[in-house]
Amino acid sequence: MVEGSAVEREEIILTVSESKRLIGLGVAALPVVKRASQAGTIAIARGSTNGYVAEAILGRQIDRVGFTTGLVLPAGRKASELRDNREVGEIVIERGIVVAGKTMAEAAKSMGPDDVLIKGANALNYQKQVAGILIQSAAGGTIGGIIGAVMGRHITLVIPVGLEKEISADIVEANRALERHLRPPRSLWPVTGVIVTEIEALNLLTGVQAIQIGAGGVGGAEGSIRLLIRGTPEQMRAAGRLLERIIGEPAFAEVADEARQMYGGR
């Protein structure tokens, strides 16, 4: 715990895209991820937050728009408006080398406790450390293809998820409601693992402690979170330097046109 008269405190506000960039850096800083990036296997599922994770681990830019799947959009909008028909496959890294064409499910067959599977989520019960993944496929989607190996082979499952996805309902109860009342049935699969939110990312990267004290906003701050961070002067300076790197991260829609020009037609 950070206590004493030398402790400094500050409120910060992070937009959704800033949070995603922060979480990506935080996941890359996890000791288990660092080890696996050198001597093991890391498999990264597609998703908007995981695009930032992949960039942080690989140390280079990827087609984050094409790396998404199951986009949640306002009524009347289509995913093709943002990413055309581009689709970037899952990323598997073995001993620091990206293995082209290999899927997470294939990689998981030979992975173990020192290896890492990274899968995002659609819902979060932070206090219970439970995440929820929406499933529409009868085969269980991405998580359905790897969860058996996660449990049986004791693979480390890392779940990068922003606090914007905190929901009021218990995820287990919400899943039962979906299966009972929605036709055709849909699932909100409850999962546990190494959950990395903005709180964990800030601590991993700078040592500060954070608690969420608000959410929401307007003028581009819709979906944002407000955090109170506290730490020693050195930790707070490190947090300031980190925030300078991520503040102003463009929103997803703003980068879609640029990504289309860079990666379209591939």
C-alpha atoms as a PDB file:
ATOM      1  CA  MET A   1       0.000   0.000   0.000  1.00  0.00           C
ATOM      2  CA  VAL A   2       1.084   3.542  -0.724  1.00  0.00           C
ATOM      3  CA  GLU A   3       0.650   5.533   2.483  1.00  0.00           C
ATOM      4  CA  GLY A   4       2.201   8.456   4.334  1.00  0.00           C
ATOM      5  CA  SER A   5       2.686  12.173   3.922  1.00  0.00           C
ATOM      6  CA  ALA A   6       4.693  11.717   0.706  1.00  0.00           C
ATOM      7  CA  VAL A   7       1.713  10.258  -1.139  1.00  0.00           C
ATOM      8  CA  GLU A   8       0.403  12.375  -3.997  1.00  0.00           C
ATOM      9  CA  ARG A   9      -3.068  12.126  -5.539  1.00  0.00           C
ATOM     10  CA  GLU A  10      -4.555  13.177  -8.852  1.00  0.00           C
ATOM     11  CA  GLU A  11      -7.766  12.678 -10.814  1.00  0.00           C
ATOM     12  CA  ILE A  12      -7.481  11.604 -14.433  1.00  0.00           C
ATOM     13  CA  ILE A  13     -10.015  11.011 -17.194  1.00  0.00           C
ATOM     14  CA  LEU A  14      -9.388   8.454 -19.914  1.00  0.00           C
ATOM     15  CA  THR A  15     -11.387   8.097 -23.104  1.00  0.00           C
ATOM     16  CA  VAL A  16     -12.166   4.621 -24.401  1.00  0.00           C
ATOM     17  CA  SER A  17      -9.320   4.674 -26.924  1.00  0.00           C
ATOM     18  CA  GLU A  18      -6.856   6.037 -24.361  1.00  0.00           C
ATOM     19  CA  SER A  19      -7.876   3.236 -22.006  1.00  0.00           C
ATOM     20  CA  LYS A  20      -7.350   0.636 -24.706  1.00  0.00           C
ATOM     21  CA  ARG A  21      -3.853   1.931 -25.436  1.00  0.00           C
ATOM     22  CA  LEU A  22      -3.045   1.927 -21.718  1.00  0.00           C
ATOM     23  CA  ILE A  23      -4.368  -1.611 -21.246  1.00  0.00           C
ATOM     24  CA  GLY A  24      -2.358  -2.819 -24.233  1.00  0.00           C
ATOM     25  CA  LEU A  25       0.833  -1.477 -22.684  1.00  0.00           C
ATOM     26  CA  GLY A  26      -0.142  -2.986 -19.338  1.00  0.00           C
ATOM     27  CA  VAL A  27      -0.664  -6.471 -20.762  1.00  0.00           C
ATOM     28  CA  ALA A  28       2.720  -6.320 -22.484  1.00  0.00           C
ATOM     29  CA  ALA A  29       4.271  -5.455 -19.102  1.00  0.00           C
ATOM     30  CA  LEU A  30       2.879  -8.532 -17.324  1.00  0.00           C
ATOM     31  CA  PRO A  31       5.791 -10.735 -16.186  1.00  0.00           C
ATOM     32  CA  VAL A  32       4.150 -13.857 -17.639  1.00  0.00           C
ATOM     33  CA  VAL A  33       3.751 -12.118 -21.009  1.00  0.00           C
ATOM     34  CA  LYS A  34       7.343 -10.896 -20.984  1.00  0.00           C
ATOM     35  CA  ARG A  35       8.595 -14.419 -20.305  1.00  0.00           C
ATOM     36  CA  ALA A  36       6.366 -16.011 -22.928  1.00  0.00           C
ATOM     37  CA  SER A  37       7.377 -13.450 -25.547  1.00  0.00           C
ATOM     38  CA  GLN A  38      10.959 -14.666 -25.280  1.00  0.00           C
ATOM     39  CA  ALA A  39      10.748 -18.350 -24.418  1.00  0.00           C
ATOM     40  CA  GLY A  40       7.142 -19.441 -24.867  1.00  0.00           C
ATOM     41  CA  THR A  41       3.982 -18.970 -26.879  1.00  0.00           C
ATOM     42  CA  ILE A  42       1.514 -16.085 -26.910  1.00  0.00           C
ATOM     43  CA  ALA A  43      -1.756 -16.283 -28.831  1.00  0.00           C
ATOM     44  CA  ILE A  44      -3.903 -13.165 -29.235  1.00  0.00           C
ATOM     45  CA  ALA A  45      -7.572 -13.260 -30.221  1.00  0.00           C
ATOM     46  CA  ARG A  46      -9.073 -10.628 -32.479  1.00  0.00           C
ATOM     47  CA  GLY A  47     -10.721  -7.635 -30.840  1.00  0.00           C
ATOM     48  CA  SER A  48     -10.499  -3.862 -30.571  1.00  0.00           C
ATOM     49  CA  THR A  49      -8.608  -3.827 -27.267  1.00  0.00           C
ATOM     50  CA  ASN A  50      -6.448  -6.756 -28.335  1.00  0.00           C
ATOM     51  CA  GLY A  51      -5.284  -4.746 -31.337  1.00  0.00           C
ATOM     52  CA  TYR A  52      -3.551  -2.410 -28.910  1.00  0.00           C
ATOM     53  CA  VAL A  53      -2.248  -5.415 -26.978  1.00  0.00           C
ATOM     54  CA  ALA A  54      -0.763  -6.899 -30.135  1.00  0.00           C
ATOM     55  CA  GLU A  55       0.956  -3.635 -31.039  1.00  0.00           C
ATOM     56  CA  ALA A  56       2.470  -3.332 -27.566  1.00  0.00           C
ATOM     57  CA  ILE A  57       3.779  -6.907 -27.605  1.00  0.00           C
ATOM     58  CA  LEU A  58       5.033  -6.826 -31.191  1.00  0.00           C
ATOM     59  CA  GLY A  59       6.438  -3.308 -30.938  1.00  0.00           C
ATOM     60  CA  ARG A  60       4.927  -2.288 -34.253  1.00  0.00           C
ATOM     61  CA  GLN A  61       1.700  -1.084 -35.816  1.00  0.00           C
ATOM     62  CA  ILE A  62      -0.872  -3.569 -37.112  1.00  0.00           C
ATOM     63  CA  ASP A  63      -4.186  -3.226 -38.934  1.00  0.00           C
ATOM     64  CA  ARG A  64      -6.208  -2.794 -35.738  1.00  0.00           C
ATOM     65  CA  VAL A  65      -9.420  -2.184 -37.675  1.00  0.00           C
ATOM     66  CA  GLY A  66      -9.080  -5.447 -39.607  1.00  0.00           C
ATOM     67  CA  PHE A  67      -8.150  -7.212 -36.364  1.00  0.00           C
ATOM     68  CA  THR A  68     -11.613  -6.608 -34.884  1.00  0.00           C
ATOM     69  CA  THR A  69     -14.534  -9.010 -34.779  1.00  0.00           C
ATOM     70  CA  GLY A  70     -18.147  -8.714 -33.666  1.00  0.00           C
ATOM     71  CA  LEU A  71     -18.121  -4.915 -33.653  1.00  0.00           C
ATOM     72  CA  VAL A  72     -20.764  -3.251 -31.472  1.00  0.00           C
ATOM     73  CA  LEU A  73     -22.131  -0.314 -33.469  1.00  0.00           C
ATOM     74  CA  PRO A  74     -25.005   2.159 -33.220  1.00  0.00           C
ATOM     75  CA  ALA A  75     -28.275   1.080 -34.819  1.00  0.00           C
ATOM     76  CA  GLY A  76     -28.149   1.354 -38.592  1.00  0.00           C
ATOM     77  CA  ARG A  77     -24.379   1.166 -38.956  1.00  0.00           C
ATOM     78  CA  LYS A  78     -22.501  -1.785 -40.436  1.00  0.00           C
ATOM     79  CA  ALA A  79     -19.016  -3.083 -39.716  1.00  0.00           C
ATOM     80  CA  SER A  80     -18.216  -2.893 -43.450  1.00  0.00           C
ATOM     81  CA  GLU A  81     -18.448   0.897 -43.222  1.00  0.00           C
ATOM     82  CA  LEU A  82     -15.357   0.887 -41.021  1.00  0.00           C
ATOM     83  CA  ARG A  83     -13.241  -2.032 -42.149  1.00  0.00           C
ATOM     84  CA  ASP A  84     -14.482  -2.990 -45.640  1.00  0.00           C
ATOM     85  CA  ASN A  85     -14.104  -6.758 -45.838  1.00  0.00           C
ATOM     86  CA  ARG A  86     -10.663  -6.878 -44.273  1.00  0.00           C
ATOM     87  CA  GLU A  87     -10.058  -9.573 -41.702  1.00  0.00           C
ATOM     88  CA  VAL A  88      -6.763 -10.043 -39.902  1.00  0.00           C
ATOM     89  CA  GLY A  89      -6.376 -13.473 -38.335  1.00  0.00           C
ATOM     90  CA  GLU A  90      -5.441 -14.330 -34.774  1.00  0.00           C
ATOM     91  CA  ILE A  91      -1.810 -13.697 -33.864  1.00  0.00           C
ATOM     92  CA  VAL A  92       0.367 -16.533 -32.579  1.00  0.00           C
ATOM     93  CA  ILE A  93       3.901 -15.722 -31.410  1.00  0.00           C
ATOM     94  CA  GLU A  94       6.303 -18.565 -30.666  1.00  0.00           C
ATOM     95  CA  ARG A  95       9.621 -17.609 -29.051  1.00  0.00           C
ATOM     96  CA  GLY A  96       9.282 -14.088 -30.380  1.00  0.00           C
ATOM     97  CA  ILE A  97       8.381 -15.103 -33.941  1.00  0.00           C
ATOM     98  CA  VAL A  98       4.920 -14.624 -35.450  1.00  0.00           C
ATOM     99  CA  VAL A  99       3.676 -17.907 -36.929  1.00  0.00           C
ATOM    100  CA  ALA A 100       1.640 -17.117 -40.031  1.00  0.00           C
ATOM    101  CA  GLY A 101      -1.720 -18.843 -40.430  1.00  0.00           C
ATOM    102  CA  LYS A 102      -1.774 -20.556 -37.040  1.00  0.00           C
ATOM    103  CA  THR A 103      -4.928 -20.194 -34.942  1.00  0.00           C
ATOM    104  CA  MET A 104      -5.283 -19.871 -31.172  1.00  0.00           C
ATOM    105  CA  ALA A 105      -7.036 -23.226 -30.977  1.00  0.00           C
ATOM    106  CA  GLU A 106      -4.191 -24.919 -32.854  1.00  0.00           C
ATOM    107  CA  ALA A 107      -1.561 -23.238 -30.702  1.00  0.00           C
ATOM    108  CA  ALA A 108      -3.384 -24.118 -27.478  1.00  0.00           C
ATOM    109  CA  LYS A 109      -2.969 -27.843 -28.121  1.00  0.00           C
ATOM    110  CA  SER A 110       0.721 -27.633 -27.221  1.00  0.00           C
ATOM    111  CA  MET A 111       0.718 -24.740 -24.750  1.00  0.00           C
ATOM    112  CA  GLY A 112       1.192 -24.911 -20.981  1.00  0.00           C
ATOM    113  CA  PRO A 113       1.267 -22.825 -17.778  1.00  0.00           C
ATOM    114  CA  ASP A 114       4.153 -20.647 -18.989  1.00  0.00           C
ATOM    115  CA  ASP A 115       2.313 -19.732 -22.192  1.00  0.00           C
ATOM    116  CA  VAL A 116      -0.366 -17.075 -22.631  1.00  0.00           C
ATOM    117  CA  LEU A 117      -3.722 -16.875 -24.380  1.00  0.00           C
ATOM    118  CA  ILE A 118      -5.156 -13.353 -24.633  1.00  0.00           C
ATOM    119  CA  LYS A 119      -8.916 -12.898 -25.104  1.00  0.00           C
ATOM    120  CA  GLY A 120     -10.977  -9.729 -24.660  1.00  0.00           C
ATOM    121  CA  ALA A 121     -14.434  -9.512 -23.091  1.00  0.00           C
ATOM    122  CA  ASN A 122     -17.804  -7.792 -23.491  1.00  0.00           C
ATOM    123  CA  ALA A 123     -18.743  -7.421 -19.840  1.00  0.00           C
ATOM    124  CA  LEU A 124     -17.049  -7.134 -16.479  1.00  0.00           C
ATOM    125  CA  ASN A 125     -17.856  -7.678 -12.786  1.00  0.00           C
ATOM    126  CA  TYR A 126     -14.656  -6.097 -11.509  1.00  0.00           C
ATOM    127  CA  GLN A 127     -15.140  -6.743  -7.801  1.00  0.00           C
ATOM    128  CA  LYS A 128     -15.767 -10.437  -8.481  1.00  0.00           C
ATOM    129  CA  GLN A 129     -12.970 -10.604 -11.070  1.00  0.00           C
ATOM    130  CA  VAL A 130     -15.321 -12.216 -13.582  1.00  0.00           C
ATOM    131  CA  ALA A 131     -15.558 -11.237 -17.242  1.00  0.00           C
ATOM    132  CA  GLY A 132     -18.286 -12.095 -19.728  1.00  0.00           C
ATOM    133  CA  ILE A 133     -17.891 -12.966 -23.402  1.00  0.00           C
ATOM    134  CA  LEU A 134     -20.900 -12.759 -25.719  1.00  0.00           C
ATOM    135  CA  ILE A 135     -21.340 -15.967 -27.731  1.00  0.00           C
ATOM    136  CA  GLN A 136     -23.509 -16.305 -30.828  1.00  0.00           C
ATOM    137  CA  SER A 137     -21.858 -19.327 -32.437  1.00  0.00           C
ATOM    138  CA  ALA A 138     -23.198 -22.777 -31.628  1.00  0.00           C
ATOM    139  CA  ALA A 139     -19.566 -23.906 -31.441  1.00  0.00           C
ATOM    140  CA  GLY A 140     -18.828 -21.423 -28.659  1.00  0.00           C
ATOM    141  CA  GLY A 141     -16.813 -18.906 -30.648  1.00  0.00           C
ATOM    142  CA  THR A 142     -13.143 -18.242 -29.917  1.00  0.00           C
ATOM    143  CA  ILE A 143     -13.432 -18.937 -26.208  1.00  0.00           C
ATOM    144  CA  GLY A 144     -15.204 -22.227 -26.890  1.00  0.00           C
ATOM    145  CA  GLY A 145     -12.250 -23.359 -28.976  1.00  0.00           C
ATOM    146  CA  ILE A 146      -9.660 -22.705 -26.273  1.00  0.00           C
ATOM    147  CA  ILE A 147     -11.309 -22.992 -22.857  1.00  0.00           C
ATOM    148  CA  GLY A 148     -10.786 -26.758 -22.639  1.00  0.00           C
ATOM    149  CA  ALA A 149      -7.047 -26.332 -23.183  1.00  0.00           C
ATOM    150  CA  VAL A 150      -6.957 -23.405 -20.745  1.00  0.00           C
ATOM    151  CA  MET A 151      -8.421 -25.581 -18.012  1.00  0.00           C
ATOM    152  CA  GLY A 152      -6.793 -28.889 -18.909  1.00  0.00           C
ATOM    153  CA  ARG A 153      -3.324 -27.604 -19.758  1.00  0.00           C
ATOM    154  CA  HIS A 154      -3.350 -24.774 -17.182  1.00  0.00           C
ATOM    155  CA  ILE A 155      -2.560 -22.129 -19.787  1.00  0.00           C
ATOM    156  CA  THR A 156      -2.475 -18.556 -18.493  1.00  0.00           C
ATOM    157  CA  LEU A 157      -5.577 -16.748 -19.788  1.00  0.00           C
ATOM    158  CA  VAL A 158      -5.151 -12.962 -19.874  1.00  0.00           C
ATOM    159  CA  ILE A 159      -8.321 -10.892 -20.248  1.00  0.00           C
ATOM    160  CA  PRO A 160      -7.749  -7.259 -21.276  1.00  0.00           C
ATOM    161  CA  VAL A 161     -10.978  -5.337 -20.626  1.00  0.00           C
ATOM    162  CA  GLY A 162     -11.753  -1.677 -20.003  1.00  0.00           C
ATOM    163  CA  LEU A 163     -13.766  -0.510 -17.017  1.00  0.00           C
ATOM    164  CA  GLU A 164     -16.279   0.915 -19.506  1.00  0.00           C
ATOM    165  CA  LYS A 165     -17.569  -2.688 -19.747  1.00  0.00           C
ATOM    166  CA  GLU A 166     -18.516  -2.945 -16.078  1.00  0.00           C
ATOM    167  CA  ILE A 167     -22.188  -4.010 -15.864  1.00  0.00           C
ATOM    168  CA  SER A 168     -24.649  -3.811 -12.985  1.00  0.00           C
ATOM    169  CA  ALA A 169     -25.921  -7.375 -13.356  1.00  0.00           C
ATOM    170  CA  ASP A 170     -24.115 -10.454 -12.106  1.00  0.00           C
ATOM    171  CA  ILE A 171     -22.609 -11.994 -15.238  1.00  0.00           C
ATOM    172  CA  VAL A 172     -23.678 -15.527 -14.297  1.00  0.00           C
ATOM    173  CA  GLU A 173     -27.273 -14.374 -13.787  1.00  0.00           C
ATOM    174  CA  ALA A 174     -27.196 -12.299 -16.982  1.00  0.00           C
ATOM    175  CA  ASN A 175     -26.044 -15.372 -18.896  1.00  0.00           C
ATOM    176  CA  ARG A 176     -28.952 -17.404 -17.508  1.00  0.00           C
ATOM    177  CA  ALA A 177     -31.387 -14.674 -18.535  1.00  0.00           C
ATOM    178  CA  LEU A 178     -30.015 -14.593 -22.083  1.00  0.00           C
ATOM    179  CA  GLU A 179     -30.247 -18.348 -22.462  1.00  0.00           C
ATOM    180  CA  ARG A 180     -33.733 -18.468 -20.959  1.00  0.00           C
ATOM    181  CA  HIS A 181     -35.428 -15.563 -22.686  1.00  0.00           C
ATOM    182  CA  LEU A 182     -33.654 -14.770 -25.973  1.00  0.00           C
ATOM    183  CA  ARG A 183     -34.493 -16.689 -29.137  1.00  0.00           C
ATOM    184  CA  PRO A 184     -32.334 -17.907 -30.672  1.00  0.00           C
ATOM    185  CA  PRO A 185     -30.415 -18.293 -27.405  1.00  0.00           C
ATOM    186  CA  ARG A 186     -27.270 -16.259 -26.853  1.00  0.00           C
ATOM    187  CA  SER A 187     -24.708 -16.670 -24.098  1.00  0.00           C
ATOM    188  CA  LEU A 188     -22.629 -14.330 -21.956  1.00  0.00           C
ATOM    189  CA  TRP A 189     -19.899 -16.805 -21.103  1.00  0.00           C
ATOM    190  CA  PRO A 190     -18.454 -16.146 -17.621  1.00  0.00           C
ATOM    191  CA  VAL A 191     -14.666 -16.464 -17.559  1.00  0.00           C
ATOM    192  CA  THR A 192     -11.912 -15.878 -15.040  1.00  0.00           C
ATOM    193  CA  GLY A 193      -8.229 -15.305 -15.564  1.00  0.00           C
ATOM    194  CA  VAL A 194      -5.682 -12.520 -15.306  1.00  0.00           C
ATOM    195  CA  ILE A 195      -7.963  -9.520 -15.783  1.00  0.00           C
ATOM    196  CA  VAL A 196      -6.142  -6.362 -16.867  1.00  0.00           C
ATOM    197  CA  THR A 197      -8.065  -3.085 -16.689  1.00  0.00           C
ATOM    198  CA  GLU A 198      -6.785   0.472 -16.523  1.00  0.00           C
ATOM    199  CA  ILE A 199      -6.224  -0.060 -12.787  1.00  0.00           C
ATOM    200  CA  GLU A 200      -3.825  -2.989 -13.231  1.00  0.00           C
ATOM    201  CA  ALA A 201      -2.117  -1.362 -16.229  1.00  0.00           C
ATOM    202  CA  LEU A 202      -1.305   1.810 -14.301  1.00  0.00           C
ATOM    203  CA  ASN A 203       0.091  -0.204 -11.416  1.00  0.00           C
ATOM    204  CA  LEU A 204       2.190  -2.455 -13.648  1.00  0.00           C
ATOM    205  CA  LEU A 205       3.641   0.436 -15.612  1.00  0.00           C
ATOM    206  CA  THR A 206       4.167   3.060 -12.913  1.00  0.00           C
ATOM    207  CA  GLY A 207       3.462   1.578  -9.480  1.00  0.00           C
ATOM    208  CA  VAL A 208       0.561   3.938  -8.723  1.00  0.00           C
ATOM    209  CA  GLN A 209      -2.682   2.686  -7.221  1.00  0.00           C
ATOM    210  CA  ALA A 210      -5.967   3.665  -8.813  1.00  0.00           C
ATOM    211  CA  ILE A 211      -9.652   3.516  -8.007  1.00  0.00           C
ATOM    212  CA  GLN A 212     -12.513   4.392 -10.309  1.00  0.00           C
ATOM    213  CA  ILE A 213     -14.553   7.364  -9.102  1.00  0.00           C
ATOM    214  CA  GLY A 214     -16.731   8.150 -12.118  1.00  0.00           C
ATOM    215  CA  ALA A 215     -17.647   7.344 -15.688  1.00  0.00           C
ATOM    216  CA  GLY A 216     -19.101   8.936 -18.793  1.00  0.00           C
ATOM    217  CA  GLY A 217     -18.971  12.329 -20.421  1.00  0.00           C
ATOM    218  CA  VAL A 218     -19.706  14.267 -23.607  1.00  0.00           C
ATOM    219  CA  GLY A 219     -17.787  15.853 -26.458  1.00  0.00           C
ATOM    220  CA  GLY A 220     -15.709  12.743 -27.087  1.00  0.00           C
ATOM    221  CA  ALA A 221     -15.633  11.580 -23.470  1.00  0.00           C
ATOM    222  CA  GLU A 222     -18.618   9.269 -23.879  1.00  0.00           C
ATOM    223  CA  GLY A 223     -17.700   5.952 -22.252  1.00  0.00           C
ATOM    224  CA  SER A 224     -14.750   7.522 -20.471  1.00  0.00           C
ATOM    225  CA  ILE A 225     -13.687   6.655 -16.941  1.00  0.00           C
ATOM    226  CA  ARG A 226     -12.506   8.889 -14.124  1.00  0.00           C
ATOM    227  CA  LEU A 227      -9.786   7.541 -11.844  1.00  0.00           C
ATOM    228  CA  LEU A 228      -8.140   8.717  -8.664  1.00  0.00           C
ATOM    229  CA  ILE A 229      -4.496   7.727  -8.782  1.00  0.00           C
ATOM    230  CA  ARG A 230      -2.092   7.894  -5.852  1.00  0.00           C
ATOM    231  CA  GLY A 231       1.542   7.124  -5.354  1.00  0.00           C
ATOM    232  CA  THR A 232       4.944   8.424  -4.359  1.00  0.00           C
ATOM    233  CA  PRO A 233       6.272  11.494  -6.184  1.00  0.00           C
ATOM    234  CA  GLU A 234       8.444   9.227  -8.341  1.00  0.00           C
ATOM    235  CA  GLN A 235       5.494   6.993  -9.217  1.00  0.00           C
ATOM    236  CA  MET A 236       3.308   9.985 -10.015  1.00  0.00           C
ATOM    237  CA  ARG A 237       5.978  11.428 -12.307  1.00  0.00           C
ATOM    238  CA  ALA A 238       6.131   8.073 -14.089  1.00  0.00           C
ATOM    239  CA  ALA A 239       2.344   8.143 -14.414  1.00  0.00           C
ATOM    240  CA  GLY A 240       2.539  11.647 -15.859  1.00  0.00           C
ATOM    241  CA  ARG A 241       5.029  10.525 -18.497  1.00  0.00           C
ATOM    242  CA  LEU A 242       2.852   7.535 -19.346  1.00  0.00           C
ATOM    243  CA  LEU A 243      -0.264   9.670 -19.687  1.00  0.00           C
ATOM    244  CA  GLU A 244       1.574  12.024 -22.034  1.00  0.00           C
ATOM    245  CA  ARG A 245       2.077   9.024 -24.331  1.00  0.00           C
ATOM    246  CA  ILE A 246      -1.558   7.955 -24.433  1.00  0.00           C
ATOM    247  CA  ILE A 247      -3.607  11.141 -24.045  1.00  0.00           C
ATOM    248  CA  GLY A 248      -5.100  12.096 -27.395  1.00  0.00           C
ATOM    249  CA  GLU A 249      -5.228   8.528 -28.729  1.00  0.00           C
ATOM    250  CA  PRO A 250      -7.628   8.773 -31.706  1.00  0.00           C
ATOM    251  CA  ALA A 251     -11.068   7.204 -31.426  1.00  0.00           C
ATOM    252  CA  PHE A 252     -11.693   4.018 -33.404  1.00  0.00           C
ATOM    253  CA  ALA A 253     -13.816   5.735 -36.050  1.00  0.00           C
ATOM    254  CA  GLU A 254     -11.108   8.327 -36.649  1.00  0.00           C
ATOM    255  CA  VAL A 255      -8.501   5.727 -37.584  1.00  0.00           C
ATOM    256  CA  ALA A 256     -10.774   3.643 -39.823  1.00  0.00           C
ATOM    257  CA  ASP A 257     -10.237   5.758 -42.957  1.00  0.00           C
ATOM    258  CA  GLU A 258      -6.481   5.840 -42.465  1.00  0.00           C
ATOM    259  CA  ALA A 259      -6.423   2.079 -41.926  1.00  0.00           C
ATOM    260  CA  ARG A 260      -8.486   1.546 -45.072  1.00  0.00           C
ATOM    261  CA  GLN A 261      -5.920   3.508 -47.087  1.00  0.00           C
ATOM    262  CA  MET A 262      -2.998   1.633 -45.547  1.00  0.00           C
ATOM    263  CA  TYR A 263      -4.382  -1.897 -45.521  1.00  0.00           C
ATOM    264  CA  GLY A 264      -7.423  -1.930 -47.829  1.00  0.00           C
ATOM    265  CA  GLY A 265      -7.532  -4.656 -50.438  1.00  0.00           C
ATOM    266  CA  ARG A 266      -5.224  -6.977 -48.556  1.00  0.00           C
END
